Amino acid sequence: MQPSDEIQLPGRIGLVADTHRRSGSALGLPPALLQGLDGCDVILHAGDFNSWAVHETLAAVAPVYGVYGNNDEPDVIARLPAMRYFTAGDLTLGLIHGHQAGRNARDATVAAMAGRVDCAIYGHSHLPDWSHEGSLTLVNPGSPTQRRRAQHRCFAIMSLDEQARMDIDFVELS
């Protein structure tokens, strides 16, 4: 496993994926996303920013840690890893996009993260998920910009208490 970044406890962590905003696009991030992330200690982005401008916009709200996805522009891929790891007390977190190995996003995440972390945060499918595979907790925040097969566009807030107990709240956008 690669070195880990530390997340302070207690913590309020914004979880975002699949923002899909290309360089030069007139489309910005939804204001409700930026408002909903206000007050977060950190933002974890599970890939498909598309452009570095998305990272910069989010970084104006809170520090951003991300991974690249399969639709990211070359400058995003050059700046970010494919996977990233975090510790929060005794809890270990992994961040991945989920497009690896030609599998569906959830299966690719399980294959990459099971036995390595307690909780894996992933994207790619645009489908919100908070589930378990054995001892691995899986969280996909969905997409705040493209709902695709999901019922709503959304993102998530992960709350960690002093003992790193986790709660996930999905925030639906209209």
N, C-alpha and C. Protein backbone atom coordinates (compact mmCIF):
# COMPACT_ATOMS: atom_id res chain seq x y z
N MET A 1 0.85 -1.18 0.00
CA MET A 1 0.00 0.00 0.00
C MET A 1 0.89 1.24 0.00
N GLN A 2 0.44 2.25 -0.73
CA GLN A 2 1.18 3.51 -0.80
C GLN A 2 1.07 4.26 0.53
N PRO A 3 1.94 5.25 0.74
CA PRO A 3 1.83 6.06 1.96
C PRO A 3 0.45 6.71 2.06
N SER A 4 0.02 6.96 3.29
CA SER A 4 -1.31 7.50 3.55
C SER A 4 -1.25 8.95 3.96
N ASP A 5 -2.26 9.70 3.56
CA ASP A 5 -2.49 11.04 4.08
C ASP A 5 -3.38 10.87 5.31
N GLU A 6 -3.25 11.79 6.27
CA GLU A 6 -4.03 11.69 7.50
C GLU A 6 -5.21 12.65 7.47
N ILE A 7 -6.35 12.14 7.91
CA ILE A 7 -7.56 12.94 8.07
C ILE A 7 -7.81 13.08 9.57
N GLN A 8 -7.95 14.30 10.04
CA GLN A 8 -8.14 14.56 11.46
C GLN A 8 -9.55 14.18 11.91
N LEU A 9 -9.64 13.70 13.14
CA LEU A 9 -10.93 13.34 13.74
C LEU A 9 -11.27 14.36 14.82
N PRO A 10 -12.54 14.65 15.05
CA PRO A 10 -13.64 14.28 14.16
C PRO A 10 -13.52 15.02 12.84
N GLY A 11 -14.22 14.53 11.84
CA GLY A 11 -14.09 15.16 10.53
C GLY A 11 -15.37 15.13 9.72
N ARG A 12 -15.51 16.15 8.88
CA ARG A 12 -16.62 16.24 7.93
C ARG A 12 -15.97 16.25 6.55
N ILE A 13 -16.21 15.19 5.78
CA ILE A 13 -15.51 14.97 4.53
C ILE A 13 -16.51 15.00 3.38
N GLY A 14 -16.28 15.88 2.43
CA GLY A 14 -17.10 15.91 1.23
C GLY A 14 -16.63 14.84 0.27
N LEU A 15 -17.56 14.04 -0.24
CA LEU A 15 -17.25 12.99 -1.21
C LEU A 15 -17.89 13.35 -2.54
N VAL A 16 -17.05 13.43 -3.57
CA VAL A 16 -17.51 13.86 -4.89
C VAL A 16 -16.87 12.94 -5.93
N ALA A 17 -17.56 12.72 -7.02
CA ALA A 17 -17.00 11.98 -8.16
C ALA A 17 -17.70 12.43 -9.43
N ASP A 18 -17.09 12.15 -10.54
CA ASP A 18 -17.73 12.29 -11.85
C ASP A 18 -18.37 13.66 -12.07
N THR A 19 -17.57 14.71 -11.87
CA THR A 19 -18.07 16.07 -12.09
C THR A 19 -18.13 16.41 -13.58
N HIS A 20 -17.27 15.81 -14.40
CA HIS A 20 -17.34 15.92 -15.86
C HIS A 20 -17.51 17.36 -16.36
N ARG A 21 -16.51 18.18 -16.09
CA ARG A 21 -16.50 19.54 -16.62
C ARG A 21 -15.19 19.75 -17.37
N ARG A 22 -15.27 19.83 -18.69
CA ARG A 22 -14.09 19.95 -19.56
C ARG A 22 -13.53 21.37 -19.57
N SER A 23 -12.27 21.49 -19.92
CA SER A 23 -11.63 22.81 -20.09
C SER A 23 -12.39 23.60 -21.14
N GLY A 24 -12.62 24.87 -20.86
CA GLY A 24 -13.30 25.74 -21.80
C GLY A 24 -14.81 25.61 -21.81
N SER A 25 -15.35 24.68 -20.99
CA SER A 25 -16.79 24.51 -20.94
C SER A 25 -17.43 25.71 -20.22
N ALA A 26 -18.56 26.12 -20.71
CA ALA A 26 -19.31 27.20 -20.05
C ALA A 26 -20.03 26.69 -18.81
N LEU A 27 -20.11 25.37 -18.66
CA LEU A 27 -20.80 24.78 -17.52
C LEU A 27 -19.89 24.77 -16.31
N GLY A 28 -20.37 25.30 -15.22
CA GLY A 28 -19.63 25.26 -13.96
C GLY A 28 -20.18 24.16 -13.07
N LEU A 29 -19.67 24.08 -11.88
CA LEU A 29 -20.21 23.14 -10.90
C LEU A 29 -21.51 23.70 -10.32
N PRO A 30 -22.45 22.84 -9.99
CA PRO A 30 -23.71 23.33 -9.43
C PRO A 30 -23.48 24.12 -8.15
N PRO A 31 -24.07 25.30 -8.02
CA PRO A 31 -23.92 26.08 -6.79
C PRO A 31 -24.33 25.29 -5.54
N ALA A 32 -25.34 24.44 -5.66
CA ALA A 32 -25.78 23.65 -4.50
C ALA A 32 -24.69 22.67 -4.05
N LEU A 33 -23.85 22.20 -4.96
CA LEU A 33 -22.72 21.35 -4.59
C LEU A 33 -21.73 22.14 -3.74
N LEU A 34 -21.34 23.30 -4.25
CA LEU A 34 -20.36 24.12 -3.53
C LEU A 34 -20.89 24.56 -2.18
N GLN A 35 -22.17 24.91 -2.11
CA GLN A 35 -22.78 25.29 -0.83
C GLN A 35 -22.81 24.10 0.12
N GLY A 36 -23.12 22.92 -0.40
CA GLY A 36 -23.21 21.72 0.44
C GLY A 36 -21.86 21.27 0.97
N LEU A 37 -20.79 21.60 0.25
CA LEU A 37 -19.45 21.23 0.68
C LEU A 37 -18.85 22.25 1.65
N ASP A 38 -19.46 23.42 1.73
CA ASP A 38 -18.97 24.46 2.63
C ASP A 38 -18.99 23.91 4.07
N GLY A 39 -17.92 24.08 4.77
CA GLY A 39 -17.81 23.57 6.13
C GLY A 39 -17.15 22.21 6.21
N CYS A 40 -16.82 21.60 5.08
CA CYS A 40 -16.09 20.33 5.10
C CYS A 40 -14.63 20.59 5.45
N ASP A 41 -14.04 19.65 6.15
CA ASP A 41 -12.62 19.75 6.49
C ASP A 41 -11.75 19.41 5.29
N VAL A 42 -12.25 18.54 4.45
CA VAL A 42 -11.52 18.08 3.27
C VAL A 42 -12.54 17.56 2.26
N ILE A 43 -12.16 17.56 0.99
CA ILE A 43 -12.98 16.99 -0.08
C ILE A 43 -12.17 15.88 -0.74
N LEU A 44 -12.79 14.70 -0.87
CA LEU A 44 -12.19 13.59 -1.60
C LEU A 44 -12.95 13.43 -2.91
N HIS A 45 -12.22 13.51 -4.03
CA HIS A 45 -12.84 13.41 -5.36
C HIS A 45 -12.37 12.12 -6.01
N ALA A 46 -13.32 11.26 -6.36
CA ALA A 46 -13.02 9.93 -6.89
C ALA A 46 -12.92 9.90 -8.41
N GLY A 47 -12.39 10.95 -9.01
CA GLY A 47 -12.05 10.93 -10.43
C GLY A 47 -13.14 11.38 -11.38
N ASP A 48 -12.68 11.62 -12.61
CA ASP A 48 -13.46 12.26 -13.67
C ASP A 48 -13.84 13.69 -13.31
N PHE A 49 -12.80 14.42 -12.86
CA PHE A 49 -12.91 15.88 -12.76
C PHE A 49 -13.17 16.40 -14.17
N ASN A 50 -12.45 15.86 -15.11
CA ASN A 50 -12.23 16.21 -16.50
C ASN A 50 -11.17 17.29 -16.62
N SER A 51 -11.39 18.46 -16.03
CA SER A 51 -10.39 19.53 -16.13
C SER A 51 -9.87 19.91 -14.75
N TRP A 52 -8.65 20.46 -14.74
CA TRP A 52 -8.05 20.90 -13.48
C TRP A 52 -8.83 22.07 -12.87
N ALA A 53 -9.58 22.80 -13.67
CA ALA A 53 -10.38 23.91 -13.16
C ALA A 53 -11.38 23.43 -12.11
N VAL A 54 -11.88 22.21 -12.25
CA VAL A 54 -12.79 21.65 -11.24
C VAL A 54 -12.07 21.52 -9.90
N HIS A 55 -10.85 21.00 -9.93
CA HIS A 55 -10.05 20.87 -8.71
C HIS A 55 -9.87 22.25 -8.06
N GLU A 56 -9.54 23.24 -8.86
CA GLU A 56 -9.32 24.59 -8.34
C GLU A 56 -10.60 25.17 -7.73
N THR A 57 -11.73 24.95 -8.36
CA THR A 57 -13.01 25.44 -7.84
C THR A 57 -13.32 24.80 -6.49
N LEU A 58 -13.14 23.48 -6.40
CA LEU A 58 -13.40 22.79 -5.15
C LEU A 58 -12.40 23.20 -4.07
N ALA A 59 -11.15 23.42 -4.46
CA ALA A 59 -10.11 23.80 -3.49
C ALA A 59 -10.37 25.16 -2.86
N ALA A 60 -11.21 25.99 -3.49
CA ALA A 60 -11.59 27.26 -2.88
C ALA A 60 -12.55 27.03 -1.71
N VAL A 61 -13.14 25.83 -1.62
CA VAL A 61 -14.08 25.49 -0.55
C VAL A 61 -13.35 24.78 0.59
N ALA A 62 -12.50 23.79 0.25
CA ALA A 62 -11.76 23.00 1.24
C ALA A 62 -10.61 22.30 0.52
N PRO A 63 -9.59 21.85 1.27
CA PRO A 63 -8.51 21.10 0.62
C PRO A 63 -9.07 19.88 -0.12
N VAL A 64 -8.54 19.62 -1.31
CA VAL A 64 -9.03 18.55 -2.17
C VAL A 64 -7.94 17.50 -2.37
N TYR A 65 -8.32 16.24 -2.18
CA TYR A 65 -7.48 15.10 -2.54
C TYR A 65 -8.25 14.31 -3.58
N GLY A 66 -7.60 13.94 -4.65
CA GLY A 66 -8.31 13.25 -5.70
C GLY A 66 -7.47 12.18 -6.37
N VAL A 67 -8.14 11.43 -7.23
CA VAL A 67 -7.54 10.45 -8.12
C VAL A 67 -8.06 10.74 -9.52
N TYR A 68 -7.35 10.25 -10.51
CA TYR A 68 -7.83 10.49 -11.87
C TYR A 68 -8.79 9.38 -12.30
N GLY A 69 -9.64 9.74 -13.26
CA GLY A 69 -10.58 8.79 -13.85
C GLY A 69 -10.32 8.62 -15.33
N ASN A 70 -11.13 7.80 -15.96
CA ASN A 70 -10.91 7.46 -17.37
C ASN A 70 -11.28 8.59 -18.33
N ASN A 71 -11.96 9.63 -17.88
CA ASN A 71 -12.32 10.75 -18.75
C ASN A 71 -11.55 12.03 -18.43
N ASP A 72 -10.54 11.93 -17.59
CA ASP A 72 -9.79 13.12 -17.21
C ASP A 72 -8.81 13.54 -18.30
N GLU A 73 -8.63 14.85 -18.39
CA GLU A 73 -7.70 15.42 -19.36
C GLU A 73 -6.27 15.10 -18.93
N PRO A 74 -5.32 15.13 -19.87
CA PRO A 74 -3.93 14.74 -19.56
C PRO A 74 -3.30 15.50 -18.39
N ASP A 75 -3.61 16.79 -18.23
CA ASP A 75 -3.00 17.52 -17.11
C ASP A 75 -3.52 17.04 -15.76
N VAL A 76 -4.76 16.57 -15.70
CA VAL A 76 -5.30 16.01 -14.45
C VAL A 76 -4.61 14.67 -14.16
N ILE A 77 -4.48 13.84 -15.18
CA ILE A 77 -3.83 12.54 -15.02
C ILE A 77 -2.37 12.72 -14.57
N ALA A 78 -1.71 13.73 -15.10
CA ALA A 78 -0.30 13.98 -14.73
C ALA A 78 -0.15 14.42 -13.28
N ARG A 79 -1.19 15.02 -12.70
CA ARG A 79 -1.09 15.57 -11.34
C ARG A 79 -1.62 14.65 -10.25
N LEU A 80 -2.41 13.65 -10.63
CA LEU A 80 -3.09 12.83 -9.62
C LEU A 80 -2.76 11.34 -9.78
N PRO A 81 -2.77 10.59 -8.69
CA PRO A 81 -2.54 9.14 -8.77
C PRO A 81 -3.82 8.40 -9.17
N ALA A 82 -3.69 7.13 -9.49
CA ALA A 82 -4.83 6.27 -9.78
C ALA A 82 -5.55 5.85 -8.50
N MET A 83 -4.79 5.72 -7.41
CA MET A 83 -5.34 5.34 -6.11
C MET A 83 -4.65 6.16 -5.03
N ARG A 84 -5.37 6.36 -3.95
CA ARG A 84 -4.83 7.14 -2.86
C ARG A 84 -5.37 6.55 -1.55
N TYR A 85 -4.57 6.68 -0.48
CA TYR A 85 -4.94 6.10 0.80
C TYR A 85 -4.89 7.14 1.91
N PHE A 86 -5.75 6.93 2.92
CA PHE A 86 -5.87 7.86 4.04
C PHE A 86 -6.02 7.07 5.33
N THR A 87 -5.61 7.70 6.42
CA THR A 87 -5.92 7.16 7.75
C THR A 87 -6.70 8.22 8.50
N ALA A 88 -7.63 7.75 9.31
CA ALA A 88 -8.41 8.61 10.19
C ALA A 88 -8.53 7.84 11.49
N GLY A 89 -7.64 8.12 12.43
CA GLY A 89 -7.57 7.29 13.62
C GLY A 89 -7.17 5.88 13.21
N ASP A 90 -7.94 4.89 13.62
CA ASP A 90 -7.66 3.50 13.24
C ASP A 90 -8.32 3.10 11.92
N LEU A 91 -9.07 3.99 11.33
CA LEU A 91 -9.79 3.71 10.08
C LEU A 91 -8.88 3.98 8.89
N THR A 92 -8.88 3.07 7.92
CA THR A 92 -8.14 3.28 6.67
C THR A 92 -9.14 3.45 5.53
N LEU A 93 -8.86 4.43 4.69
CA LEU A 93 -9.72 4.75 3.55
C LEU A 93 -8.91 4.64 2.27
N GLY A 94 -9.56 4.17 1.22
CA GLY A 94 -8.95 4.15 -0.10
C GLY A 94 -9.81 4.93 -1.07
N LEU A 95 -9.17 5.60 -2.02
CA LEU A 95 -9.87 6.41 -3.02
C LEU A 95 -9.45 5.92 -4.40
N ILE A 96 -10.41 5.61 -5.25
CA ILE A 96 -10.17 5.05 -6.57
C ILE A 96 -11.33 5.47 -7.48
N HIS A 97 -11.08 5.57 -8.78
CA HIS A 97 -12.20 5.89 -9.68
C HIS A 97 -13.08 4.67 -9.91
N GLY A 98 -12.46 3.53 -10.21
CA GLY A 98 -13.23 2.30 -10.39
C GLY A 98 -13.34 1.83 -11.82
N HIS A 99 -12.62 2.45 -12.74
CA HIS A 99 -12.70 2.04 -14.15
C HIS A 99 -11.66 0.98 -14.50
N GLN A 100 -10.86 0.58 -13.54
CA GLN A 100 -9.74 -0.31 -13.80
C GLN A 100 -10.19 -1.73 -14.15
N ALA A 101 -9.38 -2.39 -14.93
CA ALA A 101 -9.48 -3.83 -15.20
C ALA A 101 -10.75 -4.25 -15.94
N GLY A 102 -11.41 -3.34 -16.62
CA GLY A 102 -12.55 -3.70 -17.45
C GLY A 102 -13.73 -4.30 -16.69
N ARG A 103 -13.80 -4.09 -15.40
CA ARG A 103 -14.90 -4.60 -14.58
C ARG A 103 -15.88 -3.47 -14.31
N ASN A 104 -17.03 -3.81 -13.71
CA ASN A 104 -17.89 -2.72 -13.28
C ASN A 104 -17.20 -2.02 -12.11
N ALA A 105 -17.60 -0.80 -11.83
CA ALA A 105 -16.89 0.04 -10.87
C ALA A 105 -16.81 -0.58 -9.48
N ARG A 106 -17.90 -1.15 -9.03
CA ARG A 106 -17.91 -1.73 -7.69
C ARG A 106 -16.96 -2.92 -7.61
N ASP A 107 -17.02 -3.81 -8.60
CA ASP A 107 -16.15 -4.99 -8.60
C ASP A 107 -14.68 -4.60 -8.73
N ALA A 108 -14.38 -3.60 -9.55
CA ALA A 108 -13.00 -3.14 -9.69
C ALA A 108 -12.49 -2.57 -8.38
N THR A 109 -13.35 -1.87 -7.67
CA THR A 109 -12.97 -1.29 -6.38
C THR A 109 -12.73 -2.38 -5.34
N VAL A 110 -13.61 -3.36 -5.29
CA VAL A 110 -13.42 -4.48 -4.36
C VAL A 110 -12.10 -5.18 -4.67
N ALA A 111 -11.83 -5.46 -5.94
CA ALA A 111 -10.60 -6.15 -6.32
C ALA A 111 -9.36 -5.37 -5.92
N ALA A 112 -9.41 -4.05 -6.04
CA ALA A 112 -8.24 -3.22 -5.73
C ALA A 112 -8.09 -2.93 -4.24
N MET A 113 -9.19 -2.89 -3.50
CA MET A 113 -9.14 -2.37 -2.13
C MET A 113 -9.40 -3.39 -1.02
N ALA A 114 -10.05 -4.50 -1.31
CA ALA A 114 -10.37 -5.49 -0.27
C ALA A 114 -9.07 -5.98 0.38
N GLY A 115 -9.07 -6.00 1.71
CA GLY A 115 -7.90 -6.44 2.46
C GLY A 115 -6.85 -5.36 2.64
N ARG A 116 -7.04 -4.21 2.00
CA ARG A 116 -6.08 -3.11 2.12
C ARG A 116 -6.62 -1.96 2.97
N VAL A 117 -7.94 -1.73 2.90
CA VAL A 117 -8.54 -0.61 3.61
C VAL A 117 -9.86 -1.05 4.26
N ASP A 118 -10.34 -0.23 5.16
CA ASP A 118 -11.64 -0.48 5.79
C ASP A 118 -12.78 0.04 4.93
N CYS A 119 -12.54 1.16 4.24
CA CYS A 119 -13.57 1.82 3.45
C CYS A 119 -12.98 2.28 2.13
N ALA A 120 -13.64 1.95 1.04
CA ALA A 120 -13.20 2.37 -0.30
C ALA A 120 -14.23 3.33 -0.89
N ILE A 121 -13.74 4.47 -1.35
CA ILE A 121 -14.58 5.48 -1.98
C ILE A 121 -14.27 5.43 -3.47
N TYR A 122 -15.32 5.31 -4.28
CA TYR A 122 -15.12 5.14 -5.72
C TYR A 122 -16.16 5.92 -6.51
N GLY A 123 -15.98 5.97 -7.81
CA GLY A 123 -16.89 6.67 -8.70
C GLY A 123 -17.20 5.81 -9.92
N HIS A 124 -17.14 6.45 -11.08
CA HIS A 124 -17.28 5.85 -12.41
C HIS A 124 -18.71 5.49 -12.80
N SER A 125 -19.46 4.86 -11.94
CA SER A 125 -20.80 4.39 -12.32
C SER A 125 -21.87 5.47 -12.22
N HIS A 126 -21.60 6.54 -11.49
CA HIS A 126 -22.57 7.61 -11.20
C HIS A 126 -23.72 7.12 -10.31
N LEU A 127 -23.61 5.91 -9.77
CA LEU A 127 -24.66 5.33 -8.95
C LEU A 127 -24.28 5.43 -7.46
N PRO A 128 -25.04 6.19 -6.67
CA PRO A 128 -24.74 6.28 -5.25
C PRO A 128 -24.78 4.89 -4.60
N ASP A 129 -23.83 4.66 -3.70
CA ASP A 129 -23.74 3.34 -3.06
C ASP A 129 -23.12 3.51 -1.68
N TRP A 130 -23.71 2.87 -0.70
CA TRP A 130 -23.11 2.70 0.62
C TRP A 130 -23.44 1.27 1.01
N SER A 131 -22.47 0.40 0.84
CA SER A 131 -22.71 -1.02 1.02
C SER A 131 -21.46 -1.69 1.60
N HIS A 132 -21.55 -2.99 1.77
CA HIS A 132 -20.44 -3.76 2.34
C HIS A 132 -20.18 -4.99 1.49
N GLU A 133 -18.93 -5.32 1.37
CA GLU A 133 -18.49 -6.56 0.73
C GLU A 133 -17.51 -7.19 1.71
N GLY A 134 -18.00 -8.17 2.48
CA GLY A 134 -17.19 -8.70 3.56
C GLY A 134 -16.94 -7.60 4.57
N SER A 135 -15.67 -7.39 4.92
CA SER A 135 -15.33 -6.34 5.89
C SER A 135 -15.08 -4.99 5.24
N LEU A 136 -15.20 -4.90 3.92
CA LEU A 136 -14.95 -3.65 3.19
C LEU A 136 -16.24 -2.83 3.06
N THR A 137 -16.20 -1.59 3.51
CA THR A 137 -17.30 -0.65 3.29
C THR A 137 -17.03 0.06 1.98
N LEU A 138 -18.05 0.15 1.13
CA LEU A 138 -17.95 0.81 -0.17
C LEU A 138 -18.85 2.02 -0.20
N VAL A 139 -18.31 3.15 -0.71
CA VAL A 139 -19.10 4.37 -0.84
C VAL A 139 -18.85 4.97 -2.22
N ASN A 140 -19.92 5.16 -2.97
CA ASN A 140 -19.87 5.90 -4.23
C ASN A 140 -20.80 7.10 -4.04
N PRO A 141 -20.26 8.32 -4.14
CA PRO A 141 -21.10 9.50 -3.89
C PRO A 141 -22.05 9.84 -5.04
N GLY A 142 -21.99 9.12 -6.15
CA GLY A 142 -22.79 9.49 -7.31
C GLY A 142 -22.12 10.64 -8.05
N SER A 143 -22.87 11.29 -8.91
CA SER A 143 -22.36 12.44 -9.67
C SER A 143 -23.24 13.65 -9.42
N PRO A 144 -22.62 14.81 -9.15
CA PRO A 144 -23.41 16.02 -8.95
C PRO A 144 -23.84 16.69 -10.25
N THR A 145 -23.38 16.17 -11.39
CA THR A 145 -23.67 16.83 -12.67
C THR A 145 -24.38 15.95 -13.69
N GLN A 146 -24.20 14.64 -13.63
CA GLN A 146 -24.81 13.73 -14.60
C GLN A 146 -25.40 12.54 -13.87
N ARG A 147 -26.69 12.42 -13.85
CA ARG A 147 -27.28 11.34 -13.07
C ARG A 147 -27.23 10.00 -13.81
N ARG A 148 -27.20 10.01 -15.13
CA ARG A 148 -27.22 8.77 -15.93
C ARG A 148 -28.29 7.82 -15.43
N ARG A 149 -27.94 6.65 -14.91
CA ARG A 149 -28.94 5.67 -14.45
C ARG A 149 -29.38 5.88 -13.01
N ALA A 150 -28.78 6.83 -12.32
CA ALA A 150 -29.17 7.12 -10.93
C ALA A 150 -30.48 7.92 -10.91
N GLN A 151 -31.18 7.88 -9.81
CA GLN A 151 -32.42 8.64 -9.69
C GLN A 151 -32.17 10.14 -9.60
N HIS A 152 -31.03 10.53 -9.00
CA HIS A 152 -30.75 11.94 -8.77
C HIS A 152 -29.27 12.22 -9.00
N ARG A 153 -28.96 13.46 -9.30
CA ARG A 153 -27.58 13.92 -9.21
C ARG A 153 -27.29 14.09 -7.73
N CYS A 154 -26.09 13.72 -7.30
CA CYS A 154 -25.82 13.84 -5.86
C CYS A 154 -24.33 13.81 -5.55
N PHE A 155 -24.03 14.06 -4.28
CA PHE A 155 -22.72 13.90 -3.69
C PHE A 155 -22.97 13.41 -2.27
N ALA A 156 -21.92 13.21 -1.49
CA ALA A 156 -22.11 12.68 -0.15
C ALA A 156 -21.23 13.43 0.86
N ILE A 157 -21.67 13.39 2.08
CA ILE A 157 -20.90 13.90 3.22
C ILE A 157 -20.64 12.72 4.15
N MET A 158 -19.35 12.49 4.42
CA MET A 158 -18.95 11.47 5.39
C MET A 158 -18.62 12.18 6.69
N SER A 159 -19.29 11.76 7.75
CA SER A 159 -19.00 12.30 9.09
C SER A 159 -18.28 11.22 9.87
N LEU A 160 -17.15 11.59 10.46
CA LEU A 160 -16.39 10.69 11.31
C LEU A 160 -16.32 11.29 12.71
N ASP A 161 -16.69 10.50 13.72
CA ASP A 161 -16.59 11.01 15.09
C ASP A 161 -15.18 10.76 15.64
N GLU A 162 -14.99 11.03 16.92
CA GLU A 162 -13.66 10.91 17.54
C GLU A 162 -13.11 9.50 17.51
N GLN A 163 -13.98 8.48 17.42
CA GLN A 163 -13.54 7.09 17.34
C GLN A 163 -13.54 6.58 15.90
N ALA A 164 -13.68 7.48 14.92
CA ALA A 164 -13.70 7.15 13.49
C ALA A 164 -14.92 6.33 13.09
N ARG A 165 -16.00 6.44 13.88
CA ARG A 165 -17.26 5.83 13.45
C ARG A 165 -17.82 6.70 12.34
N MET A 166 -18.34 6.04 11.31
CA MET A 166 -18.70 6.70 10.07
C MET A 166 -20.21 6.79 9.88
N ASP A 167 -20.63 7.92 9.33
CA ASP A 167 -22.00 8.09 8.85
C ASP A 167 -21.91 8.74 7.48
N ILE A 168 -22.76 8.32 6.57
CA ILE A 168 -22.78 8.87 5.21
C ILE A 168 -24.15 9.49 4.97
N ASP A 169 -24.16 10.72 4.51
CA ASP A 169 -25.39 11.40 4.09
C ASP A 169 -25.26 11.74 2.61
N PHE A 170 -26.19 11.23 1.81
CA PHE A 170 -26.23 11.58 0.39
C PHE A 170 -27.04 12.86 0.24
N VAL A 171 -26.52 13.79 -0.54
CA VAL A 171 -27.18 15.07 -0.79
C VAL A 171 -27.66 15.06 -2.23
N GLU A 172 -28.98 15.03 -2.42
CA GLU A 172 -29.54 15.03 -3.77
C GLU A 172 -29.64 16.45 -4.28
N LEU A 173 -29.31 16.62 -5.55
CA LEU A 173 -29.41 17.92 -6.20
C LEU A 173 -30.57 17.89 -7.18
N SER A 174 -31.29 18.99 -7.27
CA SER A 174 -32.44 19.04 -8.18
C SER A 174 -31.99 19.32 -9.59
